C-alpha atoms as a PDB file:
ATOM      1  CA  MET A   1    -142.421 150.981  94.374  1.00  0.00           C
ATOM      2  CA  GLN A   2    -144.817 153.864  93.838  1.00  0.00           C
ATOM      3  CA  THR A   3    -148.491 152.997  94.280  1.00  0.00           C
ATOM      4  CA  THR A   4    -151.871 154.513  93.429  1.00  0.00           C
ATOM      5  CA  SER A   5    -154.804 154.363  95.824  1.00  0.00           C
ATOM      6  CA  TRP A   6    -157.963 153.472  93.913  1.00  0.00           C
ATOM      7  CA  ASN A   7    -161.276 152.635  95.595  1.00  0.00           C
ATOM      8  CA  GLY A   8    -159.437 151.640  98.738  1.00  0.00           C
ATOM      9  CA  ILE A   9    -157.017 149.365  96.877  1.00  0.00           C
ATOM     10  CA  SER A  10    -153.323 150.186  96.683  1.00  0.00           C
ATOM     11  CA  LEU A  11    -152.067 149.279  93.200  1.00  0.00           C
ATOM     12  CA  SER A  12    -148.358 149.245  92.393  1.00  0.00           C
ATOM     13  CA  GLN A  13    -147.140 151.249  89.423  1.00  0.00           C
ATOM     14  CA  MET A  14    -145.699 148.039  88.002  1.00  0.00           C
ATOM     15  CA  MET A  15    -148.207 145.314  87.189  1.00  0.00           C
ATOM     16  CA  LEU A  16    -146.742 141.917  86.374  1.00  0.00           C
ATOM     17  CA  GLY A  17    -148.155 140.282  83.261  1.00  0.00           C
ATOM     18  CA  THR A  18    -148.449 136.509  83.515  1.00  0.00           C
ATOM     19  CA  VAL A  19    -149.436 135.335  80.045  1.00  0.00           C
ATOM     20  CA  GLN A  20    -145.904 133.897  79.768  1.00  0.00           C
ATOM     21  CA  PHE A  21    -146.654 131.641  82.744  1.00  0.00           C
ATOM     22  CA  GLY A  22    -149.309 129.825  80.734  1.00  0.00           C
ATOM     23  CA  MET A  23    -147.889 129.797  77.208  1.00  0.00           C
ATOM     24  CA  PRO A  24    -144.913 130.963  75.103  1.00  0.00           C
ATOM     25  CA  TYR A  25    -145.784 134.557  74.235  1.00  0.00           C
ATOM     26  CA  GLY A  26    -144.344 137.618  72.516  1.00  0.00           C
ATOM     27  CA  ILE A  27    -142.471 138.175  69.294  1.00  0.00           C
ATOM     28  CA  ALA A  28    -139.205 138.671  71.224  1.00  0.00           C
ATOM     29  CA  ASN A  29    -139.613 135.723  73.605  1.00  0.00           C
ATOM     30  CA  GLN A  30    -136.352 133.753  73.514  1.00  0.00           C
ATOM     31  CA  THR A  31    -136.838 131.483  76.528  1.00  0.00           C
ATOM     32  CA  GLY A  32    -140.339 130.104  76.089  1.00  0.00           C
ATOM     33  CA  GLN A  33    -142.690 129.300  78.969  1.00  0.00           C
ATOM     34  CA  PRO A  34    -140.937 129.273  82.374  1.00  0.00           C
ATOM     35  CA  ASP A  35    -141.338 126.185  84.544  1.00  0.00           C
ATOM     36  CA  TYR A  36    -143.290 126.371  87.796  1.00  0.00           C
ATOM     37  CA  GLN A  37    -140.338 126.919  90.124  1.00  0.00           C
ATOM     38  CA  ASP A  38    -139.130 129.747  87.897  1.00  0.00           C
ATOM     39  CA  VAL A  39    -142.608 131.285  88.125  1.00  0.00           C
ATOM     40  CA  VAL A  40    -142.495 131.118  91.919  1.00  0.00           C
ATOM     41  CA  SER A  41    -139.082 132.807  91.847  1.00  0.00           C
ATOM     42  CA  ILE A  42    -140.344 135.514  89.480  1.00  0.00           C
ATOM     43  CA  ILE A  43    -143.397 136.282  91.623  1.00  0.00           C
ATOM     44  CA  ASP A  44    -141.309 136.260  94.800  1.00  0.00           C
ATOM     45  CA  ALA A  45    -138.901 138.810  93.288  1.00  0.00           C
ATOM     46  CA  ALA A  46    -141.782 140.992  92.118  1.00  0.00           C
ATOM     47  CA  VAL A  47    -143.603 140.993  95.462  1.00  0.00           C
ATOM     48  CA  SER A  48    -140.333 141.593  97.326  1.00  0.00           C
ATOM     49  CA  GLY A  49    -139.805 144.606  95.077  1.00  0.00           C
ATOM     50  CA  GLY A  50    -143.211 146.080  95.906  1.00  0.00           C
ATOM     51  CA  VAL A  51    -145.335 144.718  93.052  1.00  0.00           C
ATOM     52  CA  ASN A  52    -148.837 143.928  94.311  1.00  0.00           C
ATOM     53  CA  CYS A  53    -150.925 143.481  91.156  1.00  0.00           C
ATOM     54  CA  PHE A  54    -150.895 140.728  88.557  1.00  0.00           C
ATOM     55  CA  ASP A  55    -152.578 140.457  85.170  1.00  0.00           C
ATOM     56  CA  THR A  56    -153.890 137.155  83.842  1.00  0.00           C
ATOM     57  CA  ALA A  57    -156.807 135.801  81.779  1.00  0.00           C
ATOM     58  CA  ALA A  58    -158.907 132.720  81.209  1.00  0.00           C
ATOM     59  CA  ALA A  59    -157.408 132.530  77.710  1.00  0.00           C
ATOM     60  CA  TYR A  60    -153.763 132.455  78.858  1.00  0.00           C
ATOM     61  CA  GLY A  61    -153.340 128.700  78.916  1.00  0.00           C
ATOM     62  CA  GLN A  62    -152.479 127.568  82.458  1.00  0.00           C
ATOM     63  CA  SER A  63    -151.638 131.093  83.662  1.00  0.00           C
ATOM     64  CA  GLU A  64    -154.512 131.452  86.141  1.00  0.00           C
ATOM     65  CA  GLU A  65    -153.922 128.046  87.677  1.00  0.00           C
ATOM     66  CA  ILE A  66    -150.154 128.534  87.964  1.00  0.00           C
ATOM     67  CA  LEU A  67    -150.506 132.071  89.329  1.00  0.00           C
ATOM     68  CA  GLY A  68    -153.068 130.997  91.911  1.00  0.00           C
ATOM     69  CA  GLN A  69    -150.917 128.120  93.098  1.00  0.00           C
ATOM     70  CA  ALA A  70    -147.752 130.238  93.282  1.00  0.00           C
ATOM     71  CA  LEU A  71    -149.420 133.087  95.194  1.00  0.00           C
ATOM     72  CA  ARG A  72    -150.755 130.613  97.730  1.00  0.00           C
ATOM     73  CA  GLU A  73    -147.417 128.824  98.045  1.00  0.00           C
ATOM     74  CA  LEU A  74    -145.697 132.147  98.733  1.00  0.00           C
ATOM     75  CA  GLY A  75    -148.377 133.133 101.248  1.00  0.00           C
ATOM     76  CA  VAL A  76    -149.162 136.459  99.551  1.00  0.00           C
ATOM     77  CA  VAL A  77    -152.721 135.894  98.322  1.00  0.00           C
ATOM     78  CA  ASP A  78    -154.113 138.516 100.685  1.00  0.00           C
ATOM     79  CA  LYS A  79    -151.405 141.040  99.822  1.00  0.00           C
ATOM     80  CA  VAL A  80    -151.962 141.277  96.067  1.00  0.00           C
ATOM     81  CA  THR A  81    -154.657 142.182  93.536  1.00  0.00           C
ATOM     82  CA  VAL A  82    -155.284 139.870  90.596  1.00  0.00           C
ATOM     83  CA  ILE A  83    -156.838 141.212  87.403  1.00  0.00           C
ATOM     84  CA  THR A  84    -158.252 138.498  85.161  1.00  0.00           C
ATOM     85  CA  LYS A  85    -160.361 138.426  81.995  1.00  0.00           C
ATOM     86  CA  VAL A  86    -163.443 136.602  80.804  1.00  0.00           C
ATOM     87  CA  ARG A  87    -162.802 134.340  77.835  1.00  0.00           C
ATOM     88  CA  ALA A  88    -163.895 135.764  74.490  1.00  0.00           C
ATOM     89  CA  LEU A  89    -167.508 134.986  73.625  1.00  0.00           C
ATOM     90  CA  THR A  90    -168.256 133.018  70.478  1.00  0.00           C
ATOM     91  CA  THR A  91    -170.363 134.389  67.637  1.00  0.00           C
ATOM     92  CA  GLU A  92    -173.227 132.153  68.755  1.00  0.00           C
ATOM     93  CA  GLU A  93    -172.972 133.380  72.348  1.00  0.00           C
ATOM     94  CA  LEU A  94    -172.888 137.025  71.282  1.00  0.00           C
ATOM     95  CA  ALA A  95    -176.128 136.485  69.377  1.00  0.00           C
ATOM     96  CA  SER A  96    -177.911 135.028  72.400  1.00  0.00           C
ATOM     97  CA  PRO A  97    -178.060 136.877  75.755  1.00  0.00           C
ATOM     98  CA  ARG A  98    -178.903 133.584  77.456  1.00  0.00           C
ATOM     99  CA  LEU A  99    -175.854 131.798  76.040  1.00  0.00           C
ATOM    100  CA  ALA A 100    -173.649 134.825  76.707  1.00  0.00           C
ATOM    101  CA  GLU A 101    -174.712 135.022  80.337  1.00  0.00           C
ATOM    102  CA  SER A 102    -174.106 131.314  80.812  1.00  0.00           C
ATOM    103  CA  ALA A 103    -170.637 131.544  79.220  1.00  0.00           C
ATOM    104  CA  ILE A 104    -169.645 134.527  81.364  1.00  0.00           C
ATOM    105  CA  HIS A 105    -170.807 132.814  84.539  1.00  0.00           C
ATOM    106  CA  ALA A 106    -168.870 129.672  83.600  1.00  0.00           C
ATOM    107  CA  SER A 107    -165.712 131.677  82.849  1.00  0.00           C
ATOM    108  CA  ILE A 108    -165.896 133.473  86.199  1.00  0.00           C
ATOM    109  CA  GLU A 109    -166.455 130.243  88.122  1.00  0.00           C
ATOM    110  CA  LEU A 110    -163.490 128.622  86.386  1.00  0.00           C
ATOM    111  CA  SER A 111    -161.281 131.633  87.139  1.00  0.00           C
ATOM    112  CA  LEU A 112    -162.274 131.522  90.805  1.00  0.00           C
ATOM    113  CA  GLN A 113    -161.385 127.834  90.901  1.00  0.00           C
ATOM    114  CA  ARG A 114    -158.056 128.211  89.079  1.00  0.00           C
ATOM    115  CA  LEU A 115    -156.941 131.239  91.085  1.00  0.00           C
ATOM    116  CA  GLN A 116    -158.166 129.668  94.346  1.00  0.00           C
ATOM    117  CA  LEU A 117    -160.101 132.807  95.284  1.00  0.00           C
ATOM    118  CA  ASP A 118    -163.550 133.348  96.780  1.00  0.00           C
ATOM    119  CA  CYS A 119    -163.925 136.718  95.024  1.00  0.00           C
ATOM    120  CA  LEU A 120    -162.096 138.078  91.978  1.00  0.00           C
ATOM    121  CA  PRO A 121    -160.699 141.573  92.696  1.00  0.00           C
ATOM    122  CA  ILE A 122    -160.985 142.931  89.124  1.00  0.00           C
ATOM    123  CA  VAL A 123    -162.485 141.264  86.047  1.00  0.00           C
ATOM    124  CA  LEU A 124    -162.273 142.602  82.497  1.00  0.00           C
ATOM    125  CA  PHE A 125    -163.883 141.467  79.296  1.00  0.00           C
ATOM    126  CA  HIS A 126    -160.985 140.254  77.187  1.00  0.00           C
ATOM    127  CA  ARG A 127    -162.612 141.478  74.006  1.00  0.00           C
ATOM    128  CA  GLU A 128    -164.148 144.893  73.544  1.00  0.00           C
ATOM    129  CA  SER A 129    -167.143 143.604  71.582  1.00  0.00           C
ATOM    130  CA  ASP A 130    -168.238 141.493  74.557  1.00  0.00           C
ATOM    131  CA  ALA A 131    -168.724 144.626  76.687  1.00  0.00           C
ATOM    132  CA  GLU A 132    -172.405 144.816  75.750  1.00  0.00           C
ATOM    133  CA  PHE A 133    -172.778 142.277  78.565  1.00  0.00           C
ATOM    134  CA  LEU A 134    -171.188 144.420  81.279  1.00  0.00           C
ATOM    135  CA  GLY A 135    -174.516 144.107  83.089  1.00  0.00           C
ATOM    136  CA  VAL A 136    -173.781 140.418  83.672  1.00  0.00           C
ATOM    137  CA  LEU A 137    -170.537 141.324  85.431  1.00  0.00           C
ATOM    138  CA  GLU A 138    -172.464 143.834  87.518  1.00  0.00           C
ATOM    139  CA  GLU A 139    -174.835 141.060  88.597  1.00  0.00           C
ATOM    140  CA  LEU A 140    -171.886 138.844  89.498  1.00  0.00           C
ATOM    141  CA  ARG A 141    -170.423 141.687  91.534  1.00  0.00           C
ATOM    142  CA  ASN A 142    -173.699 141.957  93.429  1.00  0.00           C
ATOM    143  CA  GLN A 143    -173.458 138.217  94.100  1.00  0.00           C
ATOM    144  CA  GLY A 144    -169.981 138.654  95.601  1.00  0.00           C
ATOM    145  CA  LYS A 145    -168.140 136.843  92.804  1.00  0.00           C
ATOM    146  CA  LEU A 146    -166.053 139.899  91.902  1.00  0.00           C
ATOM    147  CA  ARG A 147    -165.401 143.432  93.174  1.00  0.00           C
ATOM    148  CA  TYR A 148    -164.744 145.631  90.129  1.00  0.00           C
ATOM    149  CA  PHE A 149    -165.117 145.123  86.397  1.00  0.00           C
ATOM    150  CA  GLY A 150    -164.273 146.663  83.073  1.00  0.00           C
ATOM    151  CA  VAL A 151    -162.882 146.028  79.599  1.00  0.00           C
ATOM    152  CA  SER A 152    -159.597 145.248  77.891  1.00  0.00           C
ATOM    153  CA  CYS A 153    -159.760 147.649  74.959  1.00  0.00           C
ATOM    154  CA  SER A 154    -158.513 147.460  71.386  1.00  0.00           C
ATOM    155  CA  ASN A 155    -156.104 149.886  69.735  1.00  0.00           C
ATOM    156  CA  VAL A 156    -158.965 152.082  68.463  1.00  0.00           C
ATOM    157  CA  PRO A 157    -159.568 154.736  71.158  1.00  0.00           C
ATOM    158  CA  GLY A 158    -163.238 155.604  70.646  1.00  0.00           C
ATOM    159  CA  ALA A 159    -164.750 152.805  72.725  1.00  0.00           C
ATOM    160  CA  ALA A 160    -162.363 153.390  75.642  1.00  0.00           C
ATOM    161  CA  ALA A 161    -163.540 156.992  75.895  1.00  0.00           C
ATOM    162  CA  GLU A 162    -167.160 155.806  75.896  1.00  0.00           C
ATOM    163  CA  PHE A 163    -166.471 153.319  78.691  1.00  0.00           C
ATOM    164  CA  VAL A 164    -164.830 156.048  80.791  1.00  0.00           C
ATOM    165  CA  HIS A 165    -167.782 158.401  80.396  1.00  0.00           C
ATOM    166  CA  GLY A 166    -170.519 155.775  80.447  1.00  0.00           C
ATOM    167  CA  GLY A 167    -170.071 154.930  84.097  1.00  0.00           C
ATOM    168  CA  HIS A 168    -170.362 151.183  83.512  1.00  0.00           C
ATOM    169  CA  ALA A 169    -166.664 150.255  83.755  1.00  0.00           C
ATOM    170  CA  SER A 170    -164.442 150.734  86.794  1.00  0.00           C
ATOM    171  CA  ALA A 171    -161.203 149.735  85.058  1.00  0.00           C
ATOM    172  CA  LEU A 172    -159.794 149.604  81.540  1.00  0.00           C
ATOM    173  CA  GLN A 173    -156.732 147.983  80.056  1.00  0.00           C
ATOM    174  CA  ILE A 174    -155.502 149.792  76.959  1.00  0.00           C
ATOM    175  CA  PRO A 175    -152.519 149.393  74.619  1.00  0.00           C
ATOM    176  CA  ALA A 176    -150.120 152.341  74.428  1.00  0.00           C
ATOM    177  CA  ASN A 177    -146.398 152.917  74.145  1.00  0.00           C
ATOM    178  CA  ILE A 178    -143.766 155.354  73.014  1.00  0.00           C
ATOM    179  CA  VAL A 179    -144.638 154.831  69.316  1.00  0.00           C
ATOM    180  CA  ASP A 180    -148.388 154.207  69.612  1.00  0.00           C
ATOM    181  CA  HIS A 181    -150.134 157.369  70.830  1.00  0.00           C
ATOM    182  CA  ARG A 182    -153.644 156.633  69.612  1.00  0.00           C
ATOM    183  CA  HIS A 183    -155.198 156.299  73.072  1.00  0.00           C
ATOM    184  CA  LEU A 184    -152.899 158.923  74.558  1.00  0.00           C
ATOM    185  CA  ARG A 185    -154.120 161.551  72.075  1.00  0.00           C
ATOM    186  CA  SER A 186    -157.782 160.741  72.768  1.00  0.00           C
ATOM    187  CA  GLY A 187    -157.796 162.371  76.198  1.00  0.00           C
ATOM    188  CA  VAL A 188    -158.899 159.145  77.887  1.00  0.00           C
ATOM    189  CA  LEU A 189    -156.112 159.343  80.475  1.00  0.00           C
ATOM    190  CA  VAL A 190    -157.131 162.749  81.779  1.00  0.00           C
ATOM    191  CA  ASP A 191    -160.825 161.842  81.656  1.00  0.00           C
ATOM    192  CA  SER A 192    -160.162 158.659  83.637  1.00  0.00           C
ATOM    193  CA  ILE A 193    -158.857 160.737  86.540  1.00  0.00           C
ATOM    194  CA  LEU A 194    -162.106 162.726  86.644  1.00  0.00           C
ATOM    195  CA  GLN A 195    -164.238 159.569  86.422  1.00  0.00           C
ATOM    196  CA  ASN A 196    -162.141 157.471  88.858  1.00  0.00           C
ATOM    197  CA  VAL A 197    -161.527 154.778  86.246  1.00  0.00           C
ATOM    198  CA  ALA A 198    -158.340 152.748  86.702  1.00  0.00           C
ATOM    199  CA  ILE A 199    -156.169 152.613  83.578  1.00  0.00           C
ATOM    200  CA  PHE A 200    -153.805 149.693  83.065  1.00  0.00           C
ATOM    201  CA  ILE A 201    -151.395 150.084  80.146  1.00  0.00           C
ATOM    202  CA  ARG A 202    -150.266 147.059  78.153  1.00  0.00           C
ATOM    203  CA  SER A 203    -147.905 146.710  75.171  1.00  0.00           C
ATOM    204  CA  VAL A 204    -145.226 148.970  76.668  1.00  0.00           C
ATOM    205  CA  TYR A 205    -142.610 147.340  74.418  1.00  0.00           C
ATOM    206  CA  LEU A 206    -145.048 146.603  71.579  1.00  0.00           C
ATOM    207  CA  GLN A 207    -144.854 142.870  72.378  1.00  0.00           C
ATOM    208  CA  GLY A 208    -141.055 143.098  72.222  1.00  0.00           C
ATOM    209  CA  LEU A 209    -140.754 144.778  68.813  1.00  0.00           C
ATOM    210  CA  LEU A 210    -139.240 147.893  70.411  1.00  0.00           C
ATOM    211  CA  VAL A 211    -136.517 146.034  72.276  1.00  0.00           C
ATOM    212  CA  MET A 212    -135.575 142.955  70.220  1.00  0.00           C
ATOM    213  CA  SER A 213    -132.277 143.044  68.355  1.00  0.00           C
ATOM    214  CA  GLN A 214    -132.650 144.886  65.064  1.00  0.00           C
ATOM    215  CA  GLU A 215    -131.434 141.987  62.944  1.00  0.00           C
ATOM    216  CA  THR A 216    -134.196 139.728  64.254  1.00  0.00           C
ATOM    217  CA  ILE A 217    -137.069 142.070  63.349  1.00  0.00           C
ATOM    218  CA  PRO A 218    -139.288 140.294  60.778  1.00  0.00           C
ATOM    219  CA  ASP A 219    -139.189 141.795  57.279  1.00  0.00           C
ATOM    220  CA  LYS A 220    -142.890 142.651  57.517  1.00  0.00           C
ATOM    221  CA  LEU A 221    -142.190 144.937  60.492  1.00  0.00           C
ATOM    222  CA  ARG A 222    -138.920 146.570  59.489  1.00  0.00           C
ATOM    223  CA  GLY A 223    -140.715 149.857  58.951  1.00  0.00           C
ATOM    224  CA  ILE A 224    -140.263 150.352  62.701  1.00  0.00           C
ATOM    225  CA  VAL A 225    -136.477 150.588  62.373  1.00  0.00           C
ATOM    226  CA  SER A 226    -136.112 154.291  61.578  1.00  0.00           C
ATOM    227  CA  GLU A 227    -138.298 155.365  64.511  1.00  0.00           C
ATOM    228  CA  ARG A 228    -136.472 152.957  66.792  1.00  0.00           C
ATOM    229  CA  GLN A 229    -133.194 154.501  65.710  1.00  0.00           C
ATOM    230  CA  ARG A 230    -134.493 158.008  66.441  1.00  0.00           C
ATOM    231  CA  LEU A 231    -135.648 156.992  69.906  1.00  0.00           C
ATOM    232  CA  THR A 232    -132.415 155.093  70.563  1.00  0.00           C
ATOM    233  CA  SER A 233    -130.459 158.271  69.814  1.00  0.00           C
ATOM    234  CA  ILE A 234    -132.596 160.190  72.348  1.00  0.00           C
ATOM    235  CA  ALA A 235    -132.088 157.433  74.911  1.00  0.00           C
ATOM    236  CA  GLU A 236    -128.320 157.284  74.451  1.00  0.00           C
ATOM    237  CA  ALA A 237    -128.000 161.077  74.635  1.00  0.00           C
ATOM    238  CA  SER A 238    -129.803 160.882  77.980  1.00  0.00           C
ATOM    239  CA  GLY A 239    -127.722 158.007  79.312  1.00  0.00           C
ATOM    240  CA  LEU A 240    -130.619 155.556  79.016  1.00  0.00           C
ATOM    241  CA  SER A 241    -131.375 152.348  77.166  1.00  0.00           C
ATOM    242  CA  LEU A 242    -134.296 152.225  74.735  1.00  0.00           C
ATOM    243  CA  PRO A 243    -136.290 149.873  77.041  1.00  0.00           C
ATOM    244  CA  GLU A 244    -135.871 152.322  79.927  1.00  0.00           C
ATOM    245  CA  LEU A 245    -136.859 155.285  77.759  1.00  0.00           C
ATOM    246  CA  ALA A 246    -139.984 153.436  76.561  1.00  0.00           C
ATOM    247  CA  LEU A 247    -141.034 152.402  80.058  1.00  0.00           C
ATOM    248  CA  ARG A 248    -140.373 155.693  81.802  1.00  0.00           C
ATOM    249  CA  TYR A 249    -142.166 157.542  79.004  1.00  0.00           C
ATOM    250  CA  LEU A 250    -145.405 155.949  80.205  1.00  0.00           C
ATOM    251  CA  LEU A 251    -144.556 156.666  83.851  1.00  0.00           C
ATOM    252  CA  SER A 252    -144.379 160.332  82.882  1.00  0.00           C
ATOM    253  CA  LEU A 253    -147.986 160.527  81.673  1.00  0.00           C
ATOM    254  CA  PRO A 254    -150.950 161.446  83.927  1.00  0.00           C
ATOM    255  CA  GLY A 255    -153.883 159.121  84.569  1.00  0.00           C
ATOM    256  CA  ILE A 256    -152.062 155.778  84.302  1.00  0.00           C
ATOM    257  CA  THR A 257    -152.704 153.544  87.304  1.00  0.00           C
ATOM    258  CA  SER A 258    -150.322 150.691  86.448  1.00  0.00           C
ATOM    259  CA  VAL A 259    -148.060 149.698  83.573  1.00  0.00           C
ATOM    260  CA  LEU A 260    -148.126 146.024  82.670  1.00  0.00           C
ATOM    261  CA  THR A 261    -144.799 144.326  81.962  1.00  0.00           C
ATOM    262  CA  GLY A 262    -144.325 140.681  81.145  1.00  0.00           C
ATOM    263  CA  VAL A 263    -141.175 138.739  81.998  1.00  0.00           C
ATOM    264  CA  GLU A 264    -139.707 135.281  81.483  1.00  0.00           C
ATOM    265  CA  THR A 265    -136.983 135.390  84.161  1.00  0.00           C
ATOM    266  CA  ARG A 266    -136.312 136.632  87.688  1.00  0.00           C
ATOM    267  CA  GLU A 267    -133.495 138.808  86.339  1.00  0.00           C
ATOM    268  CA  GLN A 268    -135.942 140.621  84.055  1.00  0.00           C
ATOM    269  CA  VAL A 269    -138.109 141.379  87.098  1.00  0.00           C
ATOM    270  CA  LYS A 270    -135.141 142.986  88.831  1.00  0.00           C
ATOM    271  CA  GLN A 271    -134.282 145.021  85.737  1.00  0.00           C
ATOM    272  CA  ASN A 272    -137.861 146.277  85.478  1.00  0.00           C
ATOM    273  CA  LEU A 273    -137.970 147.165  89.170  1.00  0.00           C
ATOM    274  CA  GLU A 274    -134.832 149.248  88.757  1.00  0.00           C
ATOM    275  CA  MET A 275    -136.314 151.132  85.805  1.00  0.00           C
ATOM    276  CA  PHE A 276    -139.607 151.770  87.611  1.00  0.00           C
ATOM    277  CA  SER A 277    -137.682 153.111  90.601  1.00  0.00           C
ATOM    278  CA  ARG A 278    -136.200 155.889  88.451  1.00  0.00           C
ATOM    279  CA  GLY A 279    -139.638 157.382  87.831  1.00  0.00           C
ATOM    280  CA  LYS A 280    -140.590 160.020  85.298  1.00  0.00           C
ATOM    281  CA  LEU A 281    -138.475 161.392  82.469  1.00  0.00           C
ATOM    282  CA  SER A 282    -137.448 165.029  82.445  1.00  0.00           C
ATOM    283  CA  GLU A 283    -139.493 167.534  80.480  1.00  0.00           C
ATOM    284  CA  ASP A 284    -136.585 167.956  78.049  1.00  0.00           C
ATOM    285  CA  ILE A 285    -136.496 164.255  77.238  1.00  0.00           C
ATOM    286  CA  MET A 286    -140.281 164.133  76.829  1.00  0.00           C
ATOM    287  CA  ALA A 287    -140.089 167.093  74.447  1.00  0.00           C
ATOM    288  CA  ALA A 288    -137.393 165.344  72.421  1.00  0.00           C
ATOM    289  CA  ILE A 289    -139.528 162.208  72.131  1.00  0.00           C
ATOM    290  CA  HIS A 290    -142.507 164.175  70.833  1.00  0.00           C
ATOM    291  CA  HIS A 291    -140.462 166.396  68.509  1.00  0.00           C
ATOM    292  CA  GLU A 292    -140.619 165.045  64.943  1.00  0.00           C
ATOM    293  CA  ALA A 293    -142.267 161.830  66.140  1.00  0.00           C
ATOM    294  CA  ILE A 294    -143.328 159.711  63.177  1.00  0.00           C
ATOM    295  CA  GLU A 295    -146.921 158.509  62.905  1.00  0.00           C
ATOM    296  CA  LEU A 296    -146.356 154.873  62.053  1.00  0.00           C
ATOM    297  CA  PRO A 297    -148.600 152.746  59.815  1.00  0.00           C
ATOM    298  CA  GLU A 298    -151.299 150.823  61.666  1.00  0.00           C
ATOM    299  CA  LEU A 299    -149.687 147.496  60.758  1.00  0.00           C
ATOM    300  CA  LEU A 300    -146.548 148.322  62.726  1.00  0.00           C
ATOM    301  CA  ILE A 301    -148.307 149.276  65.960  1.00  0.00           C
ATOM    302  CA  THR A 302    -151.154 146.724  65.977  1.00  0.00           C
ATOM    303  CA  PRO A 303    -149.907 143.248  66.998  1.00  0.00           C
ATOM    304  CA  SER A 304    -153.213 141.616  66.052  1.00  0.00           C
ATOM    305  CA  MET A 305    -152.313 142.382  62.422  1.00  0.00           C
ATOM    306  CA  TRP A 306    -148.933 140.672  62.586  1.00  0.00           C
ATOM    307  CA  SER A 307    -149.881 137.099  61.678  1.00  0.00           C
ATOM    308  CA  MET A 308    -146.583 135.883  60.261  1.00  0.00           C
END
């Protein structure tokens, strides 16, 4: 597994998403929430394959608690980096610095307890609008509660660029994939290299919309079909599957520290490890992907707009 050295931390190219450990998640999820022993098996397979970073959040149901317990049971707590997120602040909390600070402190303390850690390696605000309180995370870092902090960004690229240049965030999680180039076009990836900001990419499969069987795509989202068919043709001509094309597309871009992939089974971990091991796409395949690429409507590439 290829890794990136960032601020003295070695981060694997593959980051395992764990929202599925705490709740059923994803439009293409067919198996639901795995039980605890399945989670242990999944994490064991990932770590054995070289994965050393895990993404979770206070808002992911029991994910933090289950992840913390499994990492300790496997004896790998000191060998991995956990990225978690502060719960979203309420409207009332956003309006009151005192309430916001109290809520952030409480969220961090609960995450420490659930993950069974003395210090959180990386903490992100789960919602971009909460980032006005990055100073609170800085204070908590100075108190030894966490090491690095940043923001999980929305699909709109402007704020991510500001965080990179503002010097107040050490890490960002941003959505991007083979059909959603909004952040990729903004230049934030290249700028992050210059500013030493870690970039974690989520939504590699657009919450499963890119890889679910075509007949199961909801009517509201069937506008994705033609672009999927174009990309499938490129993949097949290159001897690849569409999931592999989509994943390795991101591995071929500069400035990405880790790509977040979620799984429900141990077998899916192994499949992902195999795809990561094949590395970047050729320049010819990348050119084919970009040639005549369709700019899709915002609805199709913004999961938060999908309420069915």
